[in-house]
Amino acid sequence: MICKSGTRCPESGMWQNIDFFTTTILVAKGNKMPEYCGKKVSWKLIYKA
């Protein structure tokens, strides 16, 4: 599952950004997906929480 910065999170869980430098974050369903280092990125669901 892929979600972009600024959209609502469709599933609670651990998300990893798709970029050269990556990070992982916990996001709850319904929260807005964050930007990374000040730019919009795509986030990939690693596992559901």
C-alpha atoms as a PDB file:
ATOM      1  CA  MET A   1       0.000   0.000   0.000  1.00  0.00           C
ATOM      2  CA  ILE A   2       1.347   3.448  -0.976  1.00  0.00           C
ATOM      3  CA  CYS A   3       0.206   6.839   0.340  1.00  0.00           C
ATOM      4  CA  LYS A   4       1.449  10.385  -0.398  1.00  0.00           C
ATOM      5  CA  SER A   5       2.297  13.230   1.988  1.00  0.00           C
ATOM      6  CA  GLY A   6      -0.752  15.361   2.807  1.00  0.00           C
ATOM      7  CA  THR A   7      -3.301  12.591   2.274  1.00  0.00           C
ATOM      8  CA  ARG A   8      -5.124  10.734   5.054  1.00  0.00           C
ATOM      9  CA  CYS A   9      -3.514   7.533   6.264  1.00  0.00           C
ATOM     10  CA  PRO A  10      -5.647   4.580   5.080  1.00  0.00           C
ATOM     11  CA  GLU A  11      -4.222   2.033   7.568  1.00  0.00           C
ATOM     12  CA  SER A  12      -2.556   2.304  10.987  1.00  0.00           C
ATOM     13  CA  GLY A  13       0.968   0.955  10.993  1.00  0.00           C
ATOM     14  CA  MET A  14       4.648   1.438  10.269  1.00  0.00           C
ATOM     15  CA  TRP A  15       5.335   3.411   7.097  1.00  0.00           C
ATOM     16  CA  GLN A  16       8.610   3.929   5.210  1.00  0.00           C
ATOM     17  CA  ASN A  17       9.208   6.731   2.728  1.00  0.00           C
ATOM     18  CA  ILE A  18      10.226   5.856  -0.818  1.00  0.00           C
ATOM     19  CA  ASP A  19      13.347   7.935  -1.458  1.00  0.00           C
ATOM     20  CA  PHE A  20      17.145   7.724  -1.508  1.00  0.00           C
ATOM     21  CA  PHE A  21      17.271   8.444   2.254  1.00  0.00           C
ATOM     22  CA  THR A  22      14.574   6.565   4.146  1.00  0.00           C
ATOM     23  CA  THR A  23      12.967   6.670   7.540  1.00  0.00           C
ATOM     24  CA  THR A  24      10.115   4.799   9.199  1.00  0.00           C
ATOM     25  CA  ILE A  25       7.215   6.292  11.144  1.00  0.00           C
ATOM     26  CA  LEU A  26       4.127   5.095  12.993  1.00  0.00           C
ATOM     27  CA  VAL A  27       0.940   6.689  11.664  1.00  0.00           C
ATOM     28  CA  ALA A  28      -2.617   6.087  12.859  1.00  0.00           C
ATOM     29  CA  LYS A  29      -5.468   5.640  10.381  1.00  0.00           C
ATOM     30  CA  GLY A  30      -7.052   8.994   9.494  1.00  0.00           C
ATOM     31  CA  ASN A  31      -4.008  11.145  10.323  1.00  0.00           C
ATOM     32  CA  LYS A  32      -2.324  13.139   7.568  1.00  0.00           C
ATOM     33  CA  MET A  33       0.790  11.581   6.092  1.00  0.00           C
ATOM     34  CA  PRO A  34       3.748  13.868   6.830  1.00  0.00           C
ATOM     35  CA  GLU A  35       6.373  15.423   4.606  1.00  0.00           C
ATOM     36  CA  TYR A  36       9.987  14.259   4.933  1.00  0.00           C
ATOM     37  CA  CYS A  37      12.771  16.853   5.183  1.00  0.00           C
ATOM     38  CA  GLY A  38      10.344  19.535   4.011  1.00  0.00           C
ATOM     39  CA  LYS A  39       9.223  17.789   0.837  1.00  0.00           C
ATOM     40  CA  LYS A  40       6.267  15.672  -0.199  1.00  0.00           C
ATOM     41  CA  VAL A  41       7.089  11.984  -0.531  1.00  0.00           C
ATOM     42  CA  SER A  42       5.350   8.667  -1.048  1.00  0.00           C
ATOM     43  CA  TRP A  43       5.042   6.331   1.937  1.00  0.00           C
ATOM     44  CA  LYS A  44       4.911   2.522   1.763  1.00  0.00           C
ATOM     45  CA  LEU A  45       3.160   0.468   4.456  1.00  0.00           C
ATOM     46  CA  ILE A  46       5.715  -1.878   6.050  1.00  0.00           C
ATOM     47  CA  TYR A  47       3.341  -3.540   8.520  1.00  0.00           C
ATOM     48  CA  LYS A  48      -0.065  -2.952  10.069  1.00  0.00           C
ATOM     49  CA  ALA A  49      -0.358  -1.948  13.712  1.00  0.00           C
END
